[in-house]
Each structure stands twice: as C-alpha cells, then as structure tokens.
C-alpha cells in the first residue's frame, strides 16, 4: 500500500451502524440505569408502547428500569402490559450449548 492510501480516512468506521431491531424496543446492557430510563421515556413520547428487553444478568436491570418509570412517573400514567420470560440456547466459546434466560417487559401509555 502506498503512504497516501494508508493515511486516507476510513469512511466505513465513521458511519453510524444500522440497527436491525425494531425502534420500539430498548435492549438493556451495561450502561448506567438512567440512560435506559431516559431512552424508554423518549420512545414513549413518540409511540404508545415500548418493549424493554434483556437477557442473562441484565434481567434485574430491565425490571429496575420498568419500575423506575412506573414509580417516579406516576402522574404520567404509564402501565406495564405483557411480561414475557423465556430462554435462548446459545453456543459458548468452548463449544458447549448454554441456556440464557430472557425477559421482555412492555411499558404502555395509559
């Protein structure tokens, strides 16, 4: 490669990655709890229903997010709709098959 090609900016990494999931879902991970609460409230401002999804060790955080929205925003009239629990079968790095618990909590505007 020439020196010019090596120093050229990589436009592939500068673009925002596209998400395949629906816009009405919030996937819980390792960010601060209030980041997910804020994201959920922003989505609820635009849509009547938002689904909070988590799996594994993040399930407790998903429950916390839904309860913060219900308890702190009592006057806004949010309610919990369906709560779905399940498990997914995943392949571990060592080749073993593992079952991972999942939860989906539906938050609705009243």
N, C-alpha and C. Protein backbone atom coordinates (compact mmCIF):
# COMPACT_ATOMS: atom_id res chain seq x y z
N UNK A 1 0.83 -1.18 0.00
CA UNK A 1 0.00 0.00 0.00
C UNK A 1 0.87 1.24 0.00
N UNK A 2 0.43 2.22 -0.72
CA UNK A 2 1.19 3.47 -0.73
C UNK A 2 0.89 4.25 0.54
N UNK A 3 1.73 5.26 0.79
CA UNK A 3 1.57 6.06 2.00
C UNK A 3 0.27 6.85 1.98
N UNK A 4 -0.17 7.27 0.81
CA UNK A 4 -1.40 8.04 0.68
C UNK A 4 -2.60 7.17 1.06
N UNK A 5 -2.61 5.92 0.61
CA UNK A 5 -3.72 5.03 0.92
C UNK A 5 -3.79 4.71 2.41
N UNK A 6 -2.65 4.60 3.06
CA UNK A 6 -2.63 4.26 4.48
C UNK A 6 -3.17 5.41 5.33
N UNK A 7 -2.96 6.64 4.92
CA UNK A 7 -3.38 7.78 5.71
C UNK A 7 -4.78 8.28 5.35
N UNK A 8 -5.39 7.70 4.35
CA UNK A 8 -6.73 8.13 3.95
C UNK A 8 -7.73 7.76 5.04
N UNK A 9 -8.68 8.67 5.32
CA UNK A 9 -9.66 8.36 6.36
C UNK A 9 -10.55 7.19 5.94
N UNK A 10 -10.87 6.38 6.89
CA UNK A 10 -11.72 5.23 6.64
C UNK A 10 -13.17 5.64 6.87
N UNK A 11 -13.91 5.80 5.81
CA UNK A 11 -15.30 6.26 5.93
C UNK A 11 -16.21 5.16 6.46
N UNK A 12 -15.78 3.92 6.38
CA UNK A 12 -16.60 2.82 6.88
C UNK A 12 -16.80 2.92 8.39
N UNK A 13 -15.76 3.30 9.13
CA UNK A 13 -15.87 3.35 10.59
C UNK A 13 -16.52 4.64 11.07
N UNK A 14 -16.66 5.63 10.21
CA UNK A 14 -17.23 6.90 10.63
C UNK A 14 -18.75 6.93 10.53
N UNK A 15 -19.33 5.97 9.84
CA UNK A 15 -20.78 5.93 9.69
C UNK A 15 -21.42 5.32 10.92
N UNK A 16 -22.63 5.77 11.18
CA UNK A 16 -23.41 5.23 12.29
C UNK A 16 -23.88 3.82 11.91
N UNK A 17 -23.67 2.82 12.79
CA UNK A 17 -24.12 1.47 12.45
C UNK A 17 -25.64 1.40 12.45
N UNK A 18 -26.18 0.61 11.53
CA UNK A 18 -27.62 0.46 11.45
C UNK A 18 -28.04 -0.66 12.38
N UNK A 19 -29.14 -0.45 13.07
CA UNK A 19 -29.66 -1.46 13.98
C UNK A 19 -30.78 -2.20 13.28
N UNK A 20 -30.78 -3.52 13.45
CA UNK A 20 -31.79 -4.34 12.80
C UNK A 20 -33.07 -4.44 13.62
N UNK A 21 -32.99 -4.18 14.93
CA UNK A 21 -34.15 -4.33 15.81
C UNK A 21 -35.18 -3.25 15.59
N UNK A 22 -36.39 -3.51 16.05
CA UNK A 22 -37.44 -2.50 15.92
C UNK A 22 -37.15 -1.29 16.78
N UNK A 23 -37.68 -0.15 16.39
CA UNK A 23 -37.44 1.11 17.09
C UNK A 23 -38.19 1.18 18.42
N UNK A 24 -39.15 0.31 18.62
CA UNK A 24 -39.93 0.37 19.85
C UNK A 24 -39.38 -0.57 20.93
N UNK A 25 -38.13 -0.98 20.81
CA UNK A 25 -37.50 -1.86 21.79
C UNK A 25 -36.26 -1.21 22.37
N UNK A 26 -36.07 -1.40 23.68
CA UNK A 26 -34.87 -0.93 24.37
C UNK A 26 -34.15 -2.18 24.86
N UNK A 27 -32.91 -2.36 24.44
CA UNK A 27 -32.12 -3.51 24.85
C UNK A 27 -31.22 -3.11 26.01
N UNK A 28 -31.36 -3.78 27.14
CA UNK A 28 -30.63 -3.44 28.35
C UNK A 28 -29.25 -4.09 28.32
N UNK A 29 -28.24 -3.28 28.64
CA UNK A 29 -26.86 -3.76 28.69
C UNK A 29 -26.16 -3.25 29.92
N UNK A 30 -24.97 -2.68 29.74
CA UNK A 30 -24.14 -2.27 30.87
C UNK A 30 -24.05 -0.76 31.07
N UNK A 31 -24.83 0.00 30.34
CA UNK A 31 -24.82 1.45 30.52
C UNK A 31 -25.47 1.79 31.86
N UNK A 32 -25.31 3.03 32.32
CA UNK A 32 -25.99 3.43 33.56
C UNK A 32 -27.51 3.28 33.43
N UNK A 33 -28.13 2.94 34.54
CA UNK A 33 -29.56 2.65 34.56
C UNK A 33 -30.40 3.80 34.01
N UNK A 34 -30.07 5.02 34.39
CA UNK A 34 -30.87 6.16 33.96
C UNK A 34 -30.78 6.42 32.46
N UNK A 35 -29.75 5.93 31.80
CA UNK A 35 -29.66 6.05 30.34
C UNK A 35 -30.80 5.26 29.69
N UNK A 36 -31.11 4.09 30.23
CA UNK A 36 -32.19 3.28 29.69
C UNK A 36 -33.56 3.86 30.05
N UNK A 37 -33.67 4.44 31.25
CA UNK A 37 -34.92 5.09 31.63
C UNK A 37 -35.20 6.25 30.68
N UNK A 38 -34.18 7.06 30.42
CA UNK A 38 -34.33 8.20 29.52
C UNK A 38 -34.70 7.75 28.11
N UNK A 39 -34.02 6.73 27.60
CA UNK A 39 -34.32 6.21 26.26
C UNK A 39 -35.75 5.71 26.17
N UNK A 40 -36.19 5.02 27.20
CA UNK A 40 -37.55 4.49 27.21
C UNK A 40 -38.58 5.62 27.21
N UNK A 41 -38.33 6.64 28.04
CA UNK A 41 -39.27 7.78 28.10
C UNK A 41 -39.31 8.54 26.78
N UNK A 42 -38.18 8.68 26.12
CA UNK A 42 -38.14 9.35 24.81
C UNK A 42 -38.96 8.54 23.80
N UNK A 43 -38.80 7.22 23.80
CA UNK A 43 -39.57 6.38 22.88
C UNK A 43 -41.06 6.45 23.20
N UNK A 44 -41.41 6.50 24.49
CA UNK A 44 -42.82 6.57 24.87
C UNK A 44 -43.46 7.90 24.48
N UNK A 45 -42.65 8.94 24.32
CA UNK A 45 -43.18 10.22 23.86
C UNK A 45 -43.64 10.14 22.41
N UNK A 46 -43.05 9.21 21.65
CA UNK A 46 -43.35 9.07 20.22
C UNK A 46 -44.24 7.89 19.89
N UNK A 47 -44.29 6.89 20.78
CA UNK A 47 -45.02 5.66 20.49
C UNK A 47 -45.85 5.25 21.71
N UNK A 48 -46.95 4.56 21.49
CA UNK A 48 -47.79 4.18 22.63
C UNK A 48 -47.23 3.03 23.48
N UNK A 49 -46.35 2.22 22.90
CA UNK A 49 -45.83 1.05 23.60
C UNK A 49 -44.34 0.89 23.32
N UNK A 50 -43.57 0.58 24.36
CA UNK A 50 -42.14 0.30 24.22
C UNK A 50 -41.85 -1.00 24.96
N UNK A 51 -41.03 -1.86 24.37
CA UNK A 51 -40.66 -3.12 24.99
C UNK A 51 -39.23 -3.03 25.50
N UNK A 52 -39.05 -3.31 26.78
CA UNK A 52 -37.72 -3.35 27.40
C UNK A 52 -37.27 -4.80 27.35
N UNK A 53 -36.12 -5.07 26.73
CA UNK A 53 -35.65 -6.45 26.56
C UNK A 53 -34.30 -6.63 27.23
N UNK A 54 -34.11 -7.80 27.84
CA UNK A 54 -32.82 -8.11 28.46
C UNK A 54 -32.66 -9.62 28.52
N UNK A 55 -31.42 -10.04 28.71
CA UNK A 55 -31.16 -11.45 28.93
C UNK A 55 -30.01 -11.62 29.90
N UNK A 56 -29.97 -12.77 30.53
CA UNK A 56 -28.90 -13.09 31.46
C UNK A 56 -28.89 -12.18 32.68
N UNK A 57 -27.71 -11.70 33.03
CA UNK A 57 -27.53 -10.89 34.23
C UNK A 57 -28.18 -9.51 34.12
N UNK A 58 -28.60 -9.11 32.94
CA UNK A 58 -29.23 -7.80 32.76
C UNK A 58 -30.73 -7.81 33.05
N UNK A 59 -31.29 -8.95 33.36
CA UNK A 59 -32.73 -9.04 33.61
C UNK A 59 -33.15 -8.17 34.78
N UNK A 60 -32.39 -8.19 35.85
CA UNK A 60 -32.70 -7.36 37.02
C UNK A 60 -32.70 -5.89 36.69
N UNK A 61 -31.78 -5.48 35.83
CA UNK A 61 -31.70 -4.07 35.42
C UNK A 61 -32.93 -3.68 34.59
N UNK A 62 -33.43 -4.61 33.77
CA UNK A 62 -34.64 -4.33 32.98
C UNK A 62 -35.84 -4.13 33.89
N UNK A 63 -35.94 -4.94 34.93
CA UNK A 63 -37.03 -4.78 35.90
C UNK A 63 -36.88 -3.44 36.61
N UNK A 64 -35.65 -3.07 36.99
CA UNK A 64 -35.40 -1.78 37.64
C UNK A 64 -35.84 -0.62 36.76
N UNK A 65 -35.51 -0.68 35.46
CA UNK A 65 -35.88 0.39 34.53
C UNK A 65 -37.40 0.53 34.49
N UNK A 66 -38.11 -0.58 34.36
CA UNK A 66 -39.57 -0.51 34.28
C UNK A 66 -40.17 0.04 35.57
N UNK A 67 -39.62 -0.34 36.71
CA UNK A 67 -40.15 0.13 37.99
C UNK A 67 -39.84 1.60 38.24
N UNK A 68 -38.68 2.07 37.81
CA UNK A 68 -38.37 3.50 37.93
C UNK A 68 -39.37 4.32 37.12
N UNK A 69 -39.67 3.85 35.91
CA UNK A 69 -40.63 4.57 35.07
C UNK A 69 -42.01 4.59 35.73
N UNK A 70 -42.44 3.47 36.29
CA UNK A 70 -43.76 3.41 36.92
C UNK A 70 -43.83 4.25 38.19
N UNK A 71 -42.84 4.13 39.05
CA UNK A 71 -42.90 4.78 40.37
C UNK A 71 -42.60 6.27 40.32
N UNK A 72 -41.61 6.67 39.54
CA UNK A 72 -41.23 8.08 39.50
C UNK A 72 -42.11 8.90 38.58
N UNK A 73 -42.77 8.25 37.66
CA UNK A 73 -43.62 8.95 36.70
C UNK A 73 -45.08 8.58 36.92
N UNK A 74 -45.50 8.48 38.17
CA UNK A 74 -46.87 8.06 38.49
C UNK A 74 -47.92 8.92 37.80
N UNK A 75 -47.71 10.22 37.77
CA UNK A 75 -48.69 11.14 37.19
C UNK A 75 -48.76 11.07 35.67
N UNK A 76 -47.73 10.50 35.03
CA UNK A 76 -47.72 10.41 33.57
C UNK A 76 -48.62 9.29 33.07
N UNK A 77 -48.96 8.34 33.93
CA UNK A 77 -49.91 7.31 33.55
C UNK A 77 -49.33 6.16 32.75
N UNK A 78 -48.11 5.76 33.02
CA UNK A 78 -47.53 4.60 32.35
C UNK A 78 -47.95 3.33 33.07
N UNK A 79 -48.16 2.26 32.31
CA UNK A 79 -48.53 0.98 32.88
C UNK A 79 -47.68 -0.13 32.27
N UNK A 80 -47.64 -1.26 32.96
CA UNK A 80 -46.94 -2.44 32.45
C UNK A 80 -47.97 -3.28 31.70
N UNK A 81 -47.64 -3.65 30.48
CA UNK A 81 -48.50 -4.53 29.69
C UNK A 81 -48.07 -5.97 29.90
N UNK A 82 -47.71 -6.64 28.84
CA UNK A 82 -47.26 -8.03 28.91
C UNK A 82 -45.84 -8.10 29.46
N UNK A 83 -45.58 -9.16 30.21
CA UNK A 83 -44.23 -9.51 30.64
C UNK A 83 -43.99 -10.93 30.14
N UNK A 84 -43.00 -11.08 29.27
CA UNK A 84 -42.71 -12.38 28.69
C UNK A 84 -41.34 -12.85 29.17
N UNK A 85 -41.27 -14.07 29.66
CA UNK A 85 -39.99 -14.65 30.05
C UNK A 85 -39.74 -15.88 29.21
N UNK A 86 -38.48 -16.19 29.01
CA UNK A 86 -38.13 -17.35 28.20
C UNK A 86 -36.65 -17.64 28.32
N UNK A 87 -36.17 -18.45 27.40
CA UNK A 87 -34.73 -18.74 27.37
C UNK A 87 -34.30 -18.95 25.93
N UNK A 88 -33.04 -18.63 25.69
CA UNK A 88 -32.44 -18.82 24.37
C UNK A 88 -31.28 -19.79 24.52
N UNK A 89 -31.07 -20.60 23.51
CA UNK A 89 -29.94 -21.51 23.50
C UNK A 89 -28.81 -20.86 22.72
N UNK A 90 -27.67 -20.68 23.39
CA UNK A 90 -26.51 -20.04 22.77
C UNK A 90 -25.32 -20.98 22.78
N UNK A 91 -24.44 -20.79 21.82
CA UNK A 91 -23.22 -21.57 21.73
C UNK A 91 -22.11 -20.82 22.46
N UNK A 92 -21.51 -21.43 23.48
CA UNK A 92 -20.42 -20.81 24.23
C UNK A 92 -19.13 -20.89 23.42
N UNK A 93 -18.13 -20.10 23.82
CA UNK A 93 -16.86 -20.09 23.10
C UNK A 93 -16.17 -21.45 23.13
N UNK A 94 -16.38 -22.19 24.22
CA UNK A 94 -15.74 -23.51 24.32
C UNK A 94 -16.53 -24.60 23.59
N UNK A 95 -17.59 -24.21 22.89
CA UNK A 95 -18.35 -25.15 22.09
C UNK A 95 -19.57 -25.74 22.77
N UNK A 96 -19.72 -25.50 24.07
CA UNK A 96 -20.87 -26.04 24.79
C UNK A 96 -22.11 -25.21 24.51
N UNK A 97 -23.25 -25.83 24.66
CA UNK A 97 -24.53 -25.15 24.49
C UNK A 97 -25.01 -24.66 25.85
N UNK A 98 -25.44 -23.39 25.91
CA UNK A 98 -25.92 -22.81 27.17
C UNK A 98 -27.32 -22.24 26.96
N UNK A 99 -28.11 -22.32 28.00
CA UNK A 99 -29.43 -21.68 28.01
C UNK A 99 -29.30 -20.35 28.75
N UNK A 100 -29.78 -19.28 28.13
CA UNK A 100 -29.73 -17.95 28.73
C UNK A 100 -31.16 -17.45 28.88
N UNK A 101 -31.51 -17.01 30.09
CA UNK A 101 -32.85 -16.51 30.36
C UNK A 101 -33.07 -15.16 29.68
N UNK A 102 -34.31 -14.89 29.28
CA UNK A 102 -34.66 -13.62 28.64
C UNK A 102 -35.93 -13.06 29.28
N UNK A 103 -36.09 -11.75 29.16
CA UNK A 103 -37.31 -11.09 29.62
C UNK A 103 -37.66 -9.97 28.66
N UNK A 104 -38.94 -9.76 28.45
CA UNK A 104 -39.46 -8.64 27.66
C UNK A 104 -40.58 -8.01 28.48
N UNK A 105 -40.42 -6.73 28.80
CA UNK A 105 -41.40 -6.00 29.60
C UNK A 105 -42.00 -4.91 28.73
N UNK A 106 -43.29 -4.94 28.56
CA UNK A 106 -43.99 -3.96 27.72
C UNK A 106 -44.48 -2.80 28.60
N UNK A 107 -44.05 -1.59 28.29
CA UNK A 107 -44.49 -0.39 29.01
C UNK A 107 -45.41 0.38 28.07
N UNK A 108 -46.60 0.75 28.58
CA UNK A 108 -47.61 1.43 27.76
C UNK A 108 -47.97 2.78 28.35
N UNK A 109 -48.39 3.68 27.47
CA UNK A 109 -49.02 4.92 27.92
C UNK A 109 -50.46 4.61 28.27
N UNK A 110 -50.94 5.21 29.33
CA UNK A 110 -52.34 4.97 29.72
C UNK A 110 -53.29 5.80 28.87
